[in-house]
Amino acid sequence: MEYAALTGISDTVISELKGHLLRTIEIRSPQNFFTSLDFDVNDHIFLTRTSAQDIMRGTSGVVAQVVKHHVSTHKMITGNDTFYEEYESMIIRLQLKPIGVARINNIISNELGKVTLVDAEQICFYEAR
């Protein structure tokens, strides 16, 4: 199945998603920002701890469903008597519900400034008896 992929996600977030915990994450990195900009509620996405430059066939990750999607802008102002600086940054907050573990079969798109797309299949785990 084709998924938009978020790469370079921290080990803590991946572990908590694997533990089936609802999790809200903030997206600040440019590549993940472009990828997650057009997510809609109920979309299924692929998250991996592997960086965008290192993903390849066989890279594992977590498939999650987008529960909430929120874009916000932060304005920062710093200065003193002789110096004044103002800048804005945008972040995306995603609340995710884990679906399962998956592995990449093929990378469809992984260009800078474009949506990262992968073809991945969910991995089933069976308990031996």
Protein backbone atom coordinates (compact mmCIF):
# COMPACT_ATOMS: atom_id res chain seq x y z
CA MET A 1 0.00 0.00 0.00
CA GLU A 2 1.20 3.54 -0.71
CA TYR A 3 1.91 5.79 2.29
CA ALA A 4 3.29 9.27 2.84
CA ALA A 5 6.40 8.76 4.99
CA LEU A 6 7.78 10.79 7.88
CA THR A 7 11.48 10.04 8.36
CA GLY A 8 13.98 10.60 11.16
CA ILE A 9 11.34 10.22 13.87
CA SER A 10 12.80 9.69 17.37
CA ASP A 11 13.17 6.22 18.88
CA THR A 12 10.90 7.25 21.77
CA VAL A 13 8.01 8.17 19.47
CA ILE A 14 8.41 4.98 17.41
CA SER A 15 8.50 2.84 20.60
CA GLU A 16 5.39 4.49 22.00
CA LEU A 17 3.52 4.04 18.72
CA LYS A 18 4.56 0.37 18.64
CA GLY A 19 3.12 0.12 22.16
CA HIS A 20 -0.24 1.27 20.74
CA LEU A 21 -0.25 4.59 22.52
CA LEU A 22 -2.00 7.62 21.07
CA ARG A 23 0.71 10.21 20.48
CA THR A 24 0.88 13.87 19.42
CA ILE A 25 4.05 14.89 17.59
CA GLU A 26 5.31 18.24 16.29
CA ILE A 27 6.76 18.39 12.80
CA ARG A 28 9.49 21.01 12.37
CA SER A 29 11.94 19.52 9.87
CA PRO A 30 11.44 20.91 6.35
CA GLN A 31 11.16 17.55 4.55
CA ASN A 32 8.59 16.14 7.01
CA PHE A 33 6.77 19.50 7.00
CA PHE A 34 6.26 19.36 3.22
CA THR A 35 5.14 15.75 3.47
CA SER A 36 2.64 16.34 6.28
CA LEU A 37 1.25 19.67 5.09
CA ASP A 38 -1.67 18.13 3.19
CA PHE A 39 -2.51 15.28 5.58
CA ASP A 40 -6.16 14.86 6.35
CA VAL A 41 -7.82 13.27 9.36
CA ASN A 42 -8.04 9.46 8.91
CA ASP A 43 -5.08 9.31 6.48
CA HIS A 44 -2.70 6.41 7.08
CA ILE A 45 0.99 7.36 7.14
CA PHE A 46 4.32 5.57 7.57
CA LEU A 47 6.81 6.72 10.24
CA THR A 48 10.41 5.51 10.53
CA ARG A 49 13.45 6.37 12.63
CA THR A 50 15.63 6.12 9.51
CA SER A 51 16.64 9.43 7.90
CA ALA A 52 15.29 10.42 4.47
CA GLN A 53 18.70 9.85 2.86
CA ASP A 54 18.96 6.31 4.26
CA ILE A 55 15.51 4.81 3.67
CA MET A 56 15.52 1.85 1.32
CA ARG A 57 13.72 -1.36 0.57
CA GLY A 58 13.35 -3.29 3.84
CA THR A 59 13.34 -0.24 6.13
CA SER A 60 10.86 -0.85 8.94
CA GLY A 61 8.52 1.60 10.62
CA VAL A 62 5.06 2.13 12.02
CA VAL A 63 1.81 2.78 10.16
CA ALA A 64 -0.44 5.24 11.99
CA GLN A 65 -3.74 6.98 11.39
CA VAL A 66 -3.96 10.78 11.61
CA VAL A 67 -6.51 11.67 14.30
CA LYS A 68 -5.86 15.45 14.39
CA HIS A 69 -3.87 17.80 12.14
CA HIS A 70 -3.06 21.38 13.12
CA VAL A 71 -0.76 23.95 11.49
CA SER A 72 0.42 26.83 13.68
CA THR A 73 2.78 29.78 13.40
CA HIS A 74 5.08 30.93 16.18
CA LYS A 75 6.48 34.45 16.26
CA MET A 76 9.73 35.05 18.14
CA ILE A 77 11.03 38.49 19.06
CA THR A 78 14.44 39.09 20.64
CA GLY A 79 16.48 42.19 21.11
CA ASN A 80 18.09 44.79 23.31
CA ASP A 81 18.77 48.56 23.06
CA THR A 82 20.77 48.28 19.83
CA PHE A 83 19.54 45.07 18.26
CA TYR A 84 16.08 43.77 17.35
CA GLU A 85 15.21 40.52 15.60
CA GLU A 86 11.84 39.03 14.72
CA TYR A 87 11.14 35.75 12.97
CA GLU A 88 8.30 33.32 12.43
CA SER A 89 8.31 29.56 12.19
CA MET A 90 5.59 27.10 11.34
CA ILE A 91 4.98 23.71 12.90
CA ILE A 92 2.46 20.97 12.31
CA ARG A 93 0.99 19.02 15.20
CA LEU A 94 -0.22 15.52 14.38
CA GLN A 95 -2.13 13.31 16.75
CA LEU A 96 -1.57 9.72 15.67
CA LYS A 97 -3.22 6.40 16.41
CA PRO A 98 -0.95 3.41 15.67
CA ILE A 99 -2.16 0.76 13.22
CA GLY A 100 0.77 -1.64 13.02
CA VAL A 101 4.35 -2.30 11.98
CA ALA A 102 5.33 -2.21 8.29
CA ARG A 103 8.31 -2.58 5.97
CA ILE A 104 9.12 -0.60 2.80
CA ASN A 105 8.87 -2.49 -0.50
CA ASN A 106 9.66 0.44 -2.79
CA ILE A 107 10.39 4.16 -2.57
CA ILE A 108 8.06 6.06 -4.89
CA SER A 109 9.23 9.63 -4.18
CA ASN A 110 11.99 11.00 -1.97
CA GLU A 111 12.95 14.37 -3.44
CA LEU A 112 13.78 17.42 -1.38
CA GLY A 113 10.78 19.74 -1.05
CA LYS A 114 8.28 17.11 -2.22
CA VAL A 115 6.13 14.56 -0.45
CA THR A 116 8.02 11.42 0.55
CA LEU A 117 6.00 8.43 -0.68
CA VAL A 118 6.70 4.76 -0.07
CA ASP A 119 5.08 1.47 -0.94
CA ALA A 120 5.01 -0.58 2.27
CA GLU A 121 3.33 -3.70 3.56
CA GLN A 122 2.25 -4.36 7.09
CA ILE A 123 4.13 -7.09 8.94
CA CYS A 124 2.08 -9.68 10.81
CA PHE A 125 3.39 -11.25 14.00
CA TYR A 126 2.05 -14.63 15.03
CA GLU A 127 2.39 -16.11 18.47
CA ALA A 128 3.95 -19.59 18.44
CA ARG A 129 2.04 -22.22 20.41
